[in-house]
PDBML (XML) file of the C-alpha atoms, coordinates in Angstrom:
<?xml version="1.0" encoding="UTF-8" ?>
<PDBx:datablock datablockName="MODEL"
   xmlns:PDBx="http://pdbml.pdb.org/schema/pdbx-v50.xsd"
   xmlns:xsi="http://www.w3.org/2001/XMLSchema-instance"
   xsi:schemaLocation="http://pdbml.pdb.org/schema/pdbx-v50.xsd pdbx-v50.xsd">
   <PDBx:atom_siteCategory>
      <PDBx:atom_site id="1">
         <PDBx:B_iso_or_equiv>0.00</PDBx:B_iso_or_equiv>
         <PDBx:Cartn_x>231.581</PDBx:Cartn_x>
         <PDBx:Cartn_y>152.621</PDBx:Cartn_y>
         <PDBx:Cartn_z>116.155</PDBx:Cartn_z>
         <PDBx:auth_asym_id>A</PDBx:auth_asym_id>
         <PDBx:auth_atom_id>CA</PDBx:auth_atom_id>
         <PDBx:auth_comp_id>UNK</PDBx:auth_comp_id>
         <PDBx:auth_seq_id>1</PDBx:auth_seq_id>
         <PDBx:group_PDB>ATOM</PDBx:group_PDB>
         <PDBx:label_alt_id xsi:nil="true" />
         <PDBx:label_asym_id>A</PDBx:label_asym_id>
         <PDBx:label_atom_id>CA</PDBx:label_atom_id>
         <PDBx:label_comp_id>UNK</PDBx:label_comp_id>
         <PDBx:label_entity_id>1</PDBx:label_entity_id>
         <PDBx:label_seq_id>1</PDBx:label_seq_id>
         <PDBx:occupancy>1.00</PDBx:occupancy>
         <PDBx:pdbx_PDB_model_num>1</PDBx:pdbx_PDB_model_num>
         <PDBx:type_symbol>C</PDBx:type_symbol>
      </PDBx:atom_site>
      <PDBx:atom_site id="2">
         <PDBx:B_iso_or_equiv>0.00</PDBx:B_iso_or_equiv>
         <PDBx:Cartn_x>232.138</PDBx:Cartn_x>
         <PDBx:Cartn_y>153.572</PDBx:Cartn_y>
         <PDBx:Cartn_z>112.645</PDBx:Cartn_z>
         <PDBx:auth_asym_id>A</PDBx:auth_asym_id>
         <PDBx:auth_atom_id>CA</PDBx:auth_atom_id>
         <PDBx:auth_comp_id>UNK</PDBx:auth_comp_id>
         <PDBx:auth_seq_id>2</PDBx:auth_seq_id>
         <PDBx:group_PDB>ATOM</PDBx:group_PDB>
         <PDBx:label_alt_id xsi:nil="true" />
         <PDBx:label_asym_id>A</PDBx:label_asym_id>
         <PDBx:label_atom_id>CA</PDBx:label_atom_id>
         <PDBx:label_comp_id>UNK</PDBx:label_comp_id>
         <PDBx:label_entity_id>1</PDBx:label_entity_id>
         <PDBx:label_seq_id>2</PDBx:label_seq_id>
         <PDBx:occupancy>1.00</PDBx:occupancy>
         <PDBx:pdbx_PDB_model_num>1</PDBx:pdbx_PDB_model_num>
         <PDBx:type_symbol>C</PDBx:type_symbol>
      </PDBx:atom_site>
      <PDBx:atom_site id="3">
         <PDBx:B_iso_or_equiv>0.00</PDBx:B_iso_or_equiv>
         <PDBx:Cartn_x>229.565</PDBx:Cartn_x>
         <PDBx:Cartn_y>156.463</PDBx:Cartn_y>
         <PDBx:Cartn_z>112.486</PDBx:Cartn_z>
         <PDBx:auth_asym_id>A</PDBx:auth_asym_id>
         <PDBx:auth_atom_id>CA</PDBx:auth_atom_id>
         <PDBx:auth_comp_id>UNK</PDBx:auth_comp_id>
         <PDBx:auth_seq_id>3</PDBx:auth_seq_id>
         <PDBx:group_PDB>ATOM</PDBx:group_PDB>
         <PDBx:label_alt_id xsi:nil="true" />
         <PDBx:label_asym_id>A</PDBx:label_asym_id>
         <PDBx:label_atom_id>CA</PDBx:label_atom_id>
         <PDBx:label_comp_id>UNK</PDBx:label_comp_id>
         <PDBx:label_entity_id>1</PDBx:label_entity_id>
         <PDBx:label_seq_id>3</PDBx:label_seq_id>
         <PDBx:occupancy>1.00</PDBx:occupancy>
         <PDBx:pdbx_PDB_model_num>1</PDBx:pdbx_PDB_model_num>
         <PDBx:type_symbol>C</PDBx:type_symbol>
      </PDBx:atom_site>
      <PDBx:atom_site id="4">
         <PDBx:B_iso_or_equiv>0.00</PDBx:B_iso_or_equiv>
         <PDBx:Cartn_x>231.427</PDBx:Cartn_x>
         <PDBx:Cartn_y>157.999</PDBx:Cartn_y>
         <PDBx:Cartn_z>115.246</PDBx:Cartn_z>
         <PDBx:auth_asym_id>A</PDBx:auth_asym_id>
         <PDBx:auth_atom_id>CA</PDBx:auth_atom_id>
         <PDBx:auth_comp_id>UNK</PDBx:auth_comp_id>
         <PDBx:auth_seq_id>4</PDBx:auth_seq_id>
         <PDBx:group_PDB>ATOM</PDBx:group_PDB>
         <PDBx:label_alt_id xsi:nil="true" />
         <PDBx:label_asym_id>A</PDBx:label_asym_id>
         <PDBx:label_atom_id>CA</PDBx:label_atom_id>
         <PDBx:label_comp_id>UNK</PDBx:label_comp_id>
         <PDBx:label_entity_id>1</PDBx:label_entity_id>
         <PDBx:label_seq_id>4</PDBx:label_seq_id>
         <PDBx:occupancy>1.00</PDBx:occupancy>
         <PDBx:pdbx_PDB_model_num>1</PDBx:pdbx_PDB_model_num>
         <PDBx:type_symbol>C</PDBx:type_symbol>
      </PDBx:atom_site>
      <PDBx:atom_site id="5">
         <PDBx:B_iso_or_equiv>0.00</PDBx:B_iso_or_equiv>
         <PDBx:Cartn_x>234.282</PDBx:Cartn_x>
         <PDBx:Cartn_y>159.037</PDBx:Cartn_y>
         <PDBx:Cartn_z>113.094</PDBx:Cartn_z>
         <PDBx:auth_asym_id>A</PDBx:auth_asym_id>
         <PDBx:auth_atom_id>CA</PDBx:auth_atom_id>
         <PDBx:auth_comp_id>UNK</PDBx:auth_comp_id>
         <PDBx:auth_seq_id>5</PDBx:auth_seq_id>
         <PDBx:group_PDB>ATOM</PDBx:group_PDB>
         <PDBx:label_alt_id xsi:nil="true" />
         <PDBx:label_asym_id>A</PDBx:label_asym_id>
         <PDBx:label_atom_id>CA</PDBx:label_atom_id>
         <PDBx:label_comp_id>UNK</PDBx:label_comp_id>
         <PDBx:label_entity_id>1</PDBx:label_entity_id>
         <PDBx:label_seq_id>5</PDBx:label_seq_id>
         <PDBx:occupancy>1.00</PDBx:occupancy>
         <PDBx:pdbx_PDB_model_num>1</PDBx:pdbx_PDB_model_num>
         <PDBx:type_symbol>C</PDBx:type_symbol>
      </PDBx:atom_site>
      <PDBx:atom_site id="6">
         <PDBx:B_iso_or_equiv>0.00</PDBx:B_iso_or_equiv>
         <PDBx:Cartn_x>232.118</PDBx:Cartn_x>
         <PDBx:Cartn_y>160.500</PDBx:Cartn_y>
         <PDBx:Cartn_z>110.554</PDBx:Cartn_z>
         <PDBx:auth_asym_id>A</PDBx:auth_asym_id>
         <PDBx:auth_atom_id>CA</PDBx:auth_atom_id>
         <PDBx:auth_comp_id>UNK</PDBx:auth_comp_id>
         <PDBx:auth_seq_id>6</PDBx:auth_seq_id>
         <PDBx:group_PDB>ATOM</PDBx:group_PDB>
         <PDBx:label_alt_id xsi:nil="true" />
         <PDBx:label_asym_id>A</PDBx:label_asym_id>
         <PDBx:label_atom_id>CA</PDBx:label_atom_id>
         <PDBx:label_comp_id>UNK</PDBx:label_comp_id>
         <PDBx:label_entity_id>1</PDBx:label_entity_id>
         <PDBx:label_seq_id>6</PDBx:label_seq_id>
         <PDBx:occupancy>1.00</PDBx:occupancy>
         <PDBx:pdbx_PDB_model_num>1</PDBx:pdbx_PDB_model_num>
         <PDBx:type_symbol>C</PDBx:type_symbol>
      </PDBx:atom_site>
      <PDBx:atom_site id="7">
         <PDBx:B_iso_or_equiv>0.00</PDBx:B_iso_or_equiv>
         <PDBx:Cartn_x>229.808</PDBx:Cartn_x>
         <PDBx:Cartn_y>162.519</PDBx:Cartn_y>
         <PDBx:Cartn_z>113.057</PDBx:Cartn_z>
         <PDBx:auth_asym_id>A</PDBx:auth_asym_id>
         <PDBx:auth_atom_id>CA</PDBx:auth_atom_id>
         <PDBx:auth_comp_id>UNK</PDBx:auth_comp_id>
         <PDBx:auth_seq_id>7</PDBx:auth_seq_id>
         <PDBx:group_PDB>ATOM</PDBx:group_PDB>
         <PDBx:label_alt_id xsi:nil="true" />
         <PDBx:label_asym_id>A</PDBx:label_asym_id>
         <PDBx:label_atom_id>CA</PDBx:label_atom_id>
         <PDBx:label_comp_id>UNK</PDBx:label_comp_id>
         <PDBx:label_entity_id>1</PDBx:label_entity_id>
         <PDBx:label_seq_id>7</PDBx:label_seq_id>
         <PDBx:occupancy>1.00</PDBx:occupancy>
         <PDBx:pdbx_PDB_model_num>1</PDBx:pdbx_PDB_model_num>
         <PDBx:type_symbol>C</PDBx:type_symbol>
      </PDBx:atom_site>
      <PDBx:atom_site id="8">
         <PDBx:B_iso_or_equiv>0.00</PDBx:B_iso_or_equiv>
         <PDBx:Cartn_x>231.126</PDBx:Cartn_x>
         <PDBx:Cartn_y>165.905</PDBx:Cartn_y>
         <PDBx:Cartn_z>111.680</PDBx:Cartn_z>
         <PDBx:auth_asym_id>A</PDBx:auth_asym_id>
         <PDBx:auth_atom_id>CA</PDBx:auth_atom_id>
         <PDBx:auth_comp_id>UNK</PDBx:auth_comp_id>
         <PDBx:auth_seq_id>8</PDBx:auth_seq_id>
         <PDBx:group_PDB>ATOM</PDBx:group_PDB>
         <PDBx:label_alt_id xsi:nil="true" />
         <PDBx:label_asym_id>A</PDBx:label_asym_id>
         <PDBx:label_atom_id>CA</PDBx:label_atom_id>
         <PDBx:label_comp_id>UNK</PDBx:label_comp_id>
         <PDBx:label_entity_id>1</PDBx:label_entity_id>
         <PDBx:label_seq_id>8</PDBx:label_seq_id>
         <PDBx:occupancy>1.00</PDBx:occupancy>
         <PDBx:pdbx_PDB_model_num>1</PDBx:pdbx_PDB_model_num>
         <PDBx:type_symbol>C</PDBx:type_symbol>
      </PDBx:atom_site>
      <PDBx:atom_site id="9">
         <PDBx:B_iso_or_equiv>0.00</PDBx:B_iso_or_equiv>
         <PDBx:Cartn_x>230.515</PDBx:Cartn_x>
         <PDBx:Cartn_y>165.182</PDBx:Cartn_y>
         <PDBx:Cartn_z>108.157</PDBx:Cartn_z>
         <PDBx:auth_asym_id>A</PDBx:auth_asym_id>
         <PDBx:auth_atom_id>CA</PDBx:auth_atom_id>
         <PDBx:auth_comp_id>UNK</PDBx:auth_comp_id>
         <PDBx:auth_seq_id>9</PDBx:auth_seq_id>
         <PDBx:group_PDB>ATOM</PDBx:group_PDB>
         <PDBx:label_alt_id xsi:nil="true" />
         <PDBx:label_asym_id>A</PDBx:label_asym_id>
         <PDBx:label_atom_id>CA</PDBx:label_atom_id>
         <PDBx:label_comp_id>UNK</PDBx:label_comp_id>
         <PDBx:label_entity_id>1</PDBx:label_entity_id>
         <PDBx:label_seq_id>9</PDBx:label_seq_id>
         <PDBx:occupancy>1.00</PDBx:occupancy>
         <PDBx:pdbx_PDB_model_num>1</PDBx:pdbx_PDB_model_num>
         <PDBx:type_symbol>C</PDBx:type_symbol>
      </PDBx:atom_site>
      <PDBx:atom_site id="10">
         <PDBx:B_iso_or_equiv>0.00</PDBx:B_iso_or_equiv>
         <PDBx:Cartn_x>226.660</PDBx:Cartn_x>
         <PDBx:Cartn_y>164.049</PDBx:Cartn_y>
         <PDBx:Cartn_z>108.340</PDBx:Cartn_z>
         <PDBx:auth_asym_id>A</PDBx:auth_asym_id>
         <PDBx:auth_atom_id>CA</PDBx:auth_atom_id>
         <PDBx:auth_comp_id>UNK</PDBx:auth_comp_id>
         <PDBx:auth_seq_id>10</PDBx:auth_seq_id>
         <PDBx:group_PDB>ATOM</PDBx:group_PDB>
         <PDBx:label_alt_id xsi:nil="true" />
         <PDBx:label_asym_id>A</PDBx:label_asym_id>
         <PDBx:label_atom_id>CA</PDBx:label_atom_id>
         <PDBx:label_comp_id>UNK</PDBx:label_comp_id>
         <PDBx:label_entity_id>1</PDBx:label_entity_id>
         <PDBx:label_seq_id>10</PDBx:label_seq_id>
         <PDBx:occupancy>1.00</PDBx:occupancy>
         <PDBx:pdbx_PDB_model_num>1</PDBx:pdbx_PDB_model_num>
         <PDBx:type_symbol>C</PDBx:type_symbol>
      </PDBx:atom_site>
      <PDBx:atom_site id="11">
         <PDBx:B_iso_or_equiv>0.00</PDBx:B_iso_or_equiv>
         <PDBx:Cartn_x>224.268</PDBx:Cartn_x>
         <PDBx:Cartn_y>165.765</PDBx:Cartn_y>
         <PDBx:Cartn_z>105.823</PDBx:Cartn_z>
         <PDBx:auth_asym_id>A</PDBx:auth_asym_id>
         <PDBx:auth_atom_id>CA</PDBx:auth_atom_id>
         <PDBx:auth_comp_id>UNK</PDBx:auth_comp_id>
         <PDBx:auth_seq_id>11</PDBx:auth_seq_id>
         <PDBx:group_PDB>ATOM</PDBx:group_PDB>
         <PDBx:label_alt_id xsi:nil="true" />
         <PDBx:label_asym_id>A</PDBx:label_asym_id>
         <PDBx:label_atom_id>CA</PDBx:label_atom_id>
         <PDBx:label_comp_id>UNK</PDBx:label_comp_id>
         <PDBx:label_entity_id>1</PDBx:label_entity_id>
         <PDBx:label_seq_id>11</PDBx:label_seq_id>
         <PDBx:occupancy>1.00</PDBx:occupancy>
         <PDBx:pdbx_PDB_model_num>1</PDBx:pdbx_PDB_model_num>
         <PDBx:type_symbol>C</PDBx:type_symbol>
      </PDBx:atom_site>
      <PDBx:atom_site id="12">
         <PDBx:B_iso_or_equiv>0.00</PDBx:B_iso_or_equiv>
         <PDBx:Cartn_x>221.698</PDBx:Cartn_x>
         <PDBx:Cartn_y>167.730</PDBx:Cartn_y>
         <PDBx:Cartn_z>107.332</PDBx:Cartn_z>
         <PDBx:auth_asym_id>A</PDBx:auth_asym_id>
         <PDBx:auth_atom_id>CA</PDBx:auth_atom_id>
         <PDBx:auth_comp_id>UNK</PDBx:auth_comp_id>
         <PDBx:auth_seq_id>12</PDBx:auth_seq_id>
         <PDBx:group_PDB>ATOM</PDBx:group_PDB>
         <PDBx:label_alt_id xsi:nil="true" />
         <PDBx:label_asym_id>A</PDBx:label_asym_id>
         <PDBx:label_atom_id>CA</PDBx:label_atom_id>
         <PDBx:label_comp_id>UNK</PDBx:label_comp_id>
         <PDBx:label_entity_id>1</PDBx:label_entity_id>
         <PDBx:label_seq_id>12</PDBx:label_seq_id>
         <PDBx:occupancy>1.00</PDBx:occupancy>
         <PDBx:pdbx_PDB_model_num>1</PDBx:pdbx_PDB_model_num>
         <PDBx:type_symbol>C</PDBx:type_symbol>
      </PDBx:atom_site>
      <PDBx:atom_site id="13">
         <PDBx:B_iso_or_equiv>0.00</PDBx:B_iso_or_equiv>
         <PDBx:Cartn_x>218.781</PDBx:Cartn_x>
         <PDBx:Cartn_y>166.967</PDBx:Cartn_y>
         <PDBx:Cartn_z>105.037</PDBx:Cartn_z>
         <PDBx:auth_asym_id>A</PDBx:auth_asym_id>
         <PDBx:auth_atom_id>CA</PDBx:auth_atom_id>
         <PDBx:auth_comp_id>UNK</PDBx:auth_comp_id>
         <PDBx:auth_seq_id>13</PDBx:auth_seq_id>
         <PDBx:group_PDB>ATOM</PDBx:group_PDB>
         <PDBx:label_alt_id xsi:nil="true" />
         <PDBx:label_asym_id>A</PDBx:label_asym_id>
         <PDBx:label_atom_id>CA</PDBx:label_atom_id>
         <PDBx:label_comp_id>UNK</PDBx:label_comp_id>
         <PDBx:label_entity_id>1</PDBx:label_entity_id>
         <PDBx:label_seq_id>13</PDBx:label_seq_id>
         <PDBx:occupancy>1.00</PDBx:occupancy>
         <PDBx:pdbx_PDB_model_num>1</PDBx:pdbx_PDB_model_num>
         <PDBx:type_symbol>C</PDBx:type_symbol>
      </PDBx:atom_site>
      <PDBx:atom_site id="14">
         <PDBx:B_iso_or_equiv>0.00</PDBx:B_iso_or_equiv>
         <PDBx:Cartn_x>216.547</PDBx:Cartn_x>
         <PDBx:Cartn_y>169.524</PDBx:Cartn_y>
         <PDBx:Cartn_z>106.770</PDBx:Cartn_z>
         <PDBx:auth_asym_id>A</PDBx:auth_asym_id>
         <PDBx:auth_atom_id>CA</PDBx:auth_atom_id>
         <PDBx:auth_comp_id>UNK</PDBx:auth_comp_id>
         <PDBx:auth_seq_id>14</PDBx:auth_seq_id>
         <PDBx:group_PDB>ATOM</PDBx:group_PDB>
         <PDBx:label_alt_id xsi:nil="true" />
         <PDBx:label_asym_id>A</PDBx:label_asym_id>
         <PDBx:label_atom_id>CA</PDBx:label_atom_id>
         <PDBx:label_comp_id>UNK</PDBx:label_comp_id>
         <PDBx:label_entity_id>1</PDBx:label_entity_id>
         <PDBx:label_seq_id>14</PDBx:label_seq_id>
         <PDBx:occupancy>1.00</PDBx:occupancy>
         <PDBx:pdbx_PDB_model_num>1</PDBx:pdbx_PDB_model_num>
         <PDBx:type_symbol>C</PDBx:type_symbol>
      </PDBx:atom_site>
      <PDBx:atom_site id="15">
         <PDBx:B_iso_or_equiv>0.00</PDBx:B_iso_or_equiv>
         <PDBx:Cartn_x>218.877</PDBx:Cartn_x>
         <PDBx:Cartn_y>172.234</PDBx:Cartn_y>
         <PDBx:Cartn_z>106.227</PDBx:Cartn_z>
         <PDBx:auth_asym_id>A</PDBx:auth_asym_id>
         <PDBx:auth_atom_id>CA</PDBx:auth_atom_id>
         <PDBx:auth_comp_id>UNK</PDBx:auth_comp_id>
         <PDBx:auth_seq_id>15</PDBx:auth_seq_id>
         <PDBx:group_PDB>ATOM</PDBx:group_PDB>
         <PDBx:label_alt_id xsi:nil="true" />
         <PDBx:label_asym_id>A</PDBx:label_asym_id>
         <PDBx:label_atom_id>CA</PDBx:label_atom_id>
         <PDBx:label_comp_id>UNK</PDBx:label_comp_id>
         <PDBx:label_entity_id>1</PDBx:label_entity_id>
         <PDBx:label_seq_id>15</PDBx:label_seq_id>
         <PDBx:occupancy>1.00</PDBx:occupancy>
         <PDBx:pdbx_PDB_model_num>1</PDBx:pdbx_PDB_model_num>
         <PDBx:type_symbol>C</PDBx:type_symbol>
      </PDBx:atom_site>
      <PDBx:atom_site id="16">
         <PDBx:B_iso_or_equiv>0.00</PDBx:B_iso_or_equiv>
         <PDBx:Cartn_x>219.479</PDBx:Cartn_x>
         <PDBx:Cartn_y>171.381</PDBx:Cartn_y>
         <PDBx:Cartn_z>102.611</PDBx:Cartn_z>
         <PDBx:auth_asym_id>A</PDBx:auth_asym_id>
         <PDBx:auth_atom_id>CA</PDBx:auth_atom_id>
         <PDBx:auth_comp_id>UNK</PDBx:auth_comp_id>
         <PDBx:auth_seq_id>16</PDBx:auth_seq_id>
         <PDBx:group_PDB>ATOM</PDBx:group_PDB>
         <PDBx:label_alt_id xsi:nil="true" />
         <PDBx:label_asym_id>A</PDBx:label_asym_id>
         <PDBx:label_atom_id>CA</PDBx:label_atom_id>
         <PDBx:label_comp_id>UNK</PDBx:label_comp_id>
         <PDBx:label_entity_id>1</PDBx:label_entity_id>
         <PDBx:label_seq_id>16</PDBx:label_seq_id>
         <PDBx:occupancy>1.00</PDBx:occupancy>
         <PDBx:pdbx_PDB_model_num>1</PDBx:pdbx_PDB_model_num>
         <PDBx:type_symbol>C</PDBx:type_symbol>
      </PDBx:atom_site>
      <PDBx:atom_site id="17">
         <PDBx:B_iso_or_equiv>0.00</PDBx:B_iso_or_equiv>
         <PDBx:Cartn_x>215.726</PDBx:Cartn_x>
         <PDBx:Cartn_y>171.426</PDBx:Cartn_y>
         <PDBx:Cartn_z>101.941</PDBx:Cartn_z>
         <PDBx:auth_asym_id>A</PDBx:auth_asym_id>
         <PDBx:auth_atom_id>CA</PDBx:auth_atom_id>
         <PDBx:auth_comp_id>UNK</PDBx:auth_comp_id>
         <PDBx:auth_seq_id>17</PDBx:auth_seq_id>
         <PDBx:group_PDB>ATOM</PDBx:group_PDB>
         <PDBx:label_alt_id xsi:nil="true" />
         <PDBx:label_asym_id>A</PDBx:label_asym_id>
         <PDBx:label_atom_id>CA</PDBx:label_atom_id>
         <PDBx:label_comp_id>UNK</PDBx:label_comp_id>
         <PDBx:label_entity_id>1</PDBx:label_entity_id>
         <PDBx:label_seq_id>17</PDBx:label_seq_id>
         <PDBx:occupancy>1.00</PDBx:occupancy>
         <PDBx:pdbx_PDB_model_num>1</PDBx:pdbx_PDB_model_num>
         <PDBx:type_symbol>C</PDBx:type_symbol>
      </PDBx:atom_site>
      <PDBx:atom_site id="18">
         <PDBx:B_iso_or_equiv>0.00</PDBx:B_iso_or_equiv>
         <PDBx:Cartn_x>215.351</PDBx:Cartn_x>
         <PDBx:Cartn_y>174.716</PDBx:Cartn_y>
         <PDBx:Cartn_z>103.651</PDBx:Cartn_z>
         <PDBx:auth_asym_id>A</PDBx:auth_asym_id>
         <PDBx:auth_atom_id>CA</PDBx:auth_atom_id>
         <PDBx:auth_comp_id>UNK</PDBx:auth_comp_id>
         <PDBx:auth_seq_id>18</PDBx:auth_seq_id>
         <PDBx:group_PDB>ATOM</PDBx:group_PDB>
         <PDBx:label_alt_id xsi:nil="true" />
         <PDBx:label_asym_id>A</PDBx:label_asym_id>
         <PDBx:label_atom_id>CA</PDBx:label_atom_id>
         <PDBx:label_comp_id>UNK</PDBx:label_comp_id>
         <PDBx:label_entity_id>1</PDBx:label_entity_id>
         <PDBx:label_seq_id>18</PDBx:label_seq_id>
         <PDBx:occupancy>1.00</PDBx:occupancy>
         <PDBx:pdbx_PDB_model_num>1</PDBx:pdbx_PDB_model_num>
         <PDBx:type_symbol>C</PDBx:type_symbol>
      </PDBx:atom_site>
      <PDBx:atom_site id="19">
         <PDBx:B_iso_or_equiv>0.00</PDBx:B_iso_or_equiv>
         <PDBx:Cartn_x>215.518</PDBx:Cartn_x>
         <PDBx:Cartn_y>178.184</PDBx:Cartn_y>
         <PDBx:Cartn_z>101.927</PDBx:Cartn_z>
         <PDBx:auth_asym_id>A</PDBx:auth_asym_id>
         <PDBx:auth_atom_id>CA</PDBx:auth_atom_id>
         <PDBx:auth_comp_id>UNK</PDBx:auth_comp_id>
         <PDBx:auth_seq_id>19</PDBx:auth_seq_id>
         <PDBx:group_PDB>ATOM</PDBx:group_PDB>
         <PDBx:label_alt_id xsi:nil="true" />
         <PDBx:label_asym_id>A</PDBx:label_asym_id>
         <PDBx:label_atom_id>CA</PDBx:label_atom_id>
         <PDBx:label_comp_id>UNK</PDBx:label_comp_id>
         <PDBx:label_entity_id>1</PDBx:label_entity_id>
         <PDBx:label_seq_id>19</PDBx:label_seq_id>
         <PDBx:occupancy>1.00</PDBx:occupancy>
         <PDBx:pdbx_PDB_model_num>1</PDBx:pdbx_PDB_model_num>
         <PDBx:type_symbol>C</PDBx:type_symbol>
      </PDBx:atom_site>
      <PDBx:atom_site id="20">
         <PDBx:B_iso_or_equiv>0.00</PDBx:B_iso_or_equiv>
         <PDBx:Cartn_x>219.032</PDBx:Cartn_x>
         <PDBx:Cartn_y>178.900</PDBx:Cartn_y>
         <PDBx:Cartn_z>103.176</PDBx:Cartn_z>
         <PDBx:auth_asym_id>A</PDBx:auth_asym_id>
         <PDBx:auth_atom_id>CA</PDBx:auth_atom_id>
         <PDBx:auth_comp_id>UNK</PDBx:auth_comp_id>
         <PDBx:auth_seq_id>20</PDBx:auth_seq_id>
         <PDBx:group_PDB>ATOM</PDBx:group_PDB>
         <PDBx:label_alt_id xsi:nil="true" />
         <PDBx:label_asym_id>A</PDBx:label_asym_id>
         <PDBx:label_atom_id>CA</PDBx:label_atom_id>
         <PDBx:label_comp_id>UNK</PDBx:label_comp_id>
         <PDBx:label_entity_id>1</PDBx:label_entity_id>
         <PDBx:label_seq_id>20</PDBx:label_seq_id>
         <PDBx:occupancy>1.00</PDBx:occupancy>
         <PDBx:pdbx_PDB_model_num>1</PDBx:pdbx_PDB_model_num>
         <PDBx:type_symbol>C</PDBx:type_symbol>
      </PDBx:atom_site>
      <PDBx:atom_site id="21">
         <PDBx:B_iso_or_equiv>0.00</PDBx:B_iso_or_equiv>
         <PDBx:Cartn_x>220.296</PDBx:Cartn_x>
         <PDBx:Cartn_y>175.520</PDBx:Cartn_y>
         <PDBx:Cartn_z>102.044</PDBx:Cartn_z>
         <PDBx:auth_asym_id>A</PDBx:auth_asym_id>
         <PDBx:auth_atom_id>CA</PDBx:auth_atom_id>
         <PDBx:auth_comp_id>UNK</PDBx:auth_comp_id>
         <PDBx:auth_seq_id>21</PDBx:auth_seq_id>
         <PDBx:group_PDB>ATOM</PDBx:group_PDB>
         <PDBx:label_alt_id xsi:nil="true" />
         <PDBx:label_asym_id>A</PDBx:label_asym_id>
         <PDBx:label_atom_id>CA</PDBx:label_atom_id>
         <PDBx:label_comp_id>UNK</PDBx:label_comp_id>
         <PDBx:label_entity_id>1</PDBx:label_entity_id>
         <PDBx:label_seq_id>21</PDBx:label_seq_id>
         <PDBx:occupancy>1.00</PDBx:occupancy>
         <PDBx:pdbx_PDB_model_num>1</PDBx:pdbx_PDB_model_num>
         <PDBx:type_symbol>C</PDBx:type_symbol>
      </PDBx:atom_site>
      <PDBx:atom_site id="22">
         <PDBx:B_iso_or_equiv>0.00</PDBx:B_iso_or_equiv>
         <PDBx:Cartn_x>218.934</PDBx:Cartn_x>
         <PDBx:Cartn_y>175.916</PDBx:Cartn_y>
         <PDBx:Cartn_z>98.724</PDBx:Cartn_z>
         <PDBx:auth_asym_id>A</PDBx:auth_asym_id>
         <PDBx:auth_atom_id>CA</PDBx:auth_atom_id>
         <PDBx:auth_comp_id>UNK</PDBx:auth_comp_id>
         <PDBx:auth_seq_id>22</PDBx:auth_seq_id>
         <PDBx:group_PDB>ATOM</PDBx:group_PDB>
         <PDBx:label_alt_id xsi:nil="true" />
         <PDBx:label_asym_id>A</PDBx:label_asym_id>
         <PDBx:label_atom_id>CA</PDBx:label_atom_id>
         <PDBx:label_comp_id>UNK</PDBx:label_comp_id>
         <PDBx:label_entity_id>1</PDBx:label_entity_id>
         <PDBx:label_seq_id>22</PDBx:label_seq_id>
         <PDBx:occupancy>1.00</PDBx:occupancy>
         <PDBx:pdbx_PDB_model_num>1</PDBx:pdbx_PDB_model_num>
         <PDBx:type_symbol>C</PDBx:type_symbol>
      </PDBx:atom_site>
      <PDBx:atom_site id="23">
         <PDBx:B_iso_or_equiv>0.00</PDBx:B_iso_or_equiv>
         <PDBx:Cartn_x>220.656</PDBx:Cartn_x>
         <PDBx:Cartn_y>179.273</PDBx:Cartn_y>
         <PDBx:Cartn_z>98.409</PDBx:Cartn_z>
         <PDBx:auth_asym_id>A</PDBx:auth_asym_id>
         <PDBx:auth_atom_id>CA</PDBx:auth_atom_id>
         <PDBx:auth_comp_id>UNK</PDBx:auth_comp_id>
         <PDBx:auth_seq_id>23</PDBx:auth_seq_id>
         <PDBx:group_PDB>ATOM</PDBx:group_PDB>
         <PDBx:label_alt_id xsi:nil="true" />
         <PDBx:label_asym_id>A</PDBx:label_asym_id>
         <PDBx:label_atom_id>CA</PDBx:label_atom_id>
         <PDBx:label_comp_id>UNK</PDBx:label_comp_id>
         <PDBx:label_entity_id>1</PDBx:label_entity_id>
         <PDBx:label_seq_id>23</PDBx:label_seq_id>
         <PDBx:occupancy>1.00</PDBx:occupancy>
         <PDBx:pdbx_PDB_model_num>1</PDBx:pdbx_PDB_model_num>
         <PDBx:type_symbol>C</PDBx:type_symbol>
      </PDBx:atom_site>
      <PDBx:atom_site id="24">
         <PDBx:B_iso_or_equiv>0.00</PDBx:B_iso_or_equiv>
         <PDBx:Cartn_x>223.714</PDBx:Cartn_x>
         <PDBx:Cartn_y>177.837</PDBx:Cartn_y>
         <PDBx:Cartn_z>99.401</PDBx:Cartn_z>
         <PDBx:auth_asym_id>A</PDBx:auth_asym_id>
         <PDBx:auth_atom_id>CA</PDBx:auth_atom_id>
         <PDBx:auth_comp_id>UNK</PDBx:auth_comp_id>
         <PDBx:auth_seq_id>24</PDBx:auth_seq_id>
         <PDBx:group_PDB>ATOM</PDBx:group_PDB>
         <PDBx:label_alt_id xsi:nil="true" />
         <PDBx:label_asym_id>A</PDBx:label_asym_id>
         <PDBx:label_atom_id>CA</PDBx:label_atom_id>
         <PDBx:label_comp_id>UNK</PDBx:label_comp_id>
         <PDBx:label_entity_id>1</PDBx:label_entity_id>
         <PDBx:label_seq_id>24</PDBx:label_seq_id>
         <PDBx:occupancy>1.00</PDBx:occupancy>
         <PDBx:pdbx_PDB_model_num>1</PDBx:pdbx_PDB_model_num>
         <PDBx:type_symbol>C</PDBx:type_symbol>
      </PDBx:atom_site>
      <PDBx:atom_site id="25">
         <PDBx:B_iso_or_equiv>0.00</PDBx:B_iso_or_equiv>
         <PDBx:Cartn_x>223.577</PDBx:Cartn_x>
         <PDBx:Cartn_y>175.021</PDBx:Cartn_y>
         <PDBx:Cartn_z>96.844</PDBx:Cartn_z>
         <PDBx:auth_asym_id>A</PDBx:auth_asym_id>
         <PDBx:auth_atom_id>CA</PDBx:auth_atom_id>
         <PDBx:auth_comp_id>UNK</PDBx:auth_comp_id>
         <PDBx:auth_seq_id>25</PDBx:auth_seq_id>
         <PDBx:group_PDB>ATOM</PDBx:group_PDB>
         <PDBx:label_alt_id xsi:nil="true" />
         <PDBx:label_asym_id>A</PDBx:label_asym_id>
         <PDBx:label_atom_id>CA</PDBx:label_atom_id>
         <PDBx:label_comp_id>UNK</PDBx:label_comp_id>
         <PDBx:label_entity_id>1</PDBx:label_entity_id>
         <PDBx:label_seq_id>25</PDBx:label_seq_id>
         <PDBx:occupancy>1.00</PDBx:occupancy>
         <PDBx:pdbx_PDB_model_num>1</PDBx:pdbx_PDB_model_num>
         <PDBx:type_symbol>C</PDBx:type_symbol>
      </PDBx:atom_site>
   </PDBx:atom_siteCategory>
</PDBx:datablock>
C-alpha cells in the first residue's frame, strides 16, 4: 500500500520523547 513507500520516513515518537531524542532536537 501507500504506507510501504514511506516506511523509512516514519517518525519514532518514543525516540523523540527519550533523552537522546530531545538532545538531538
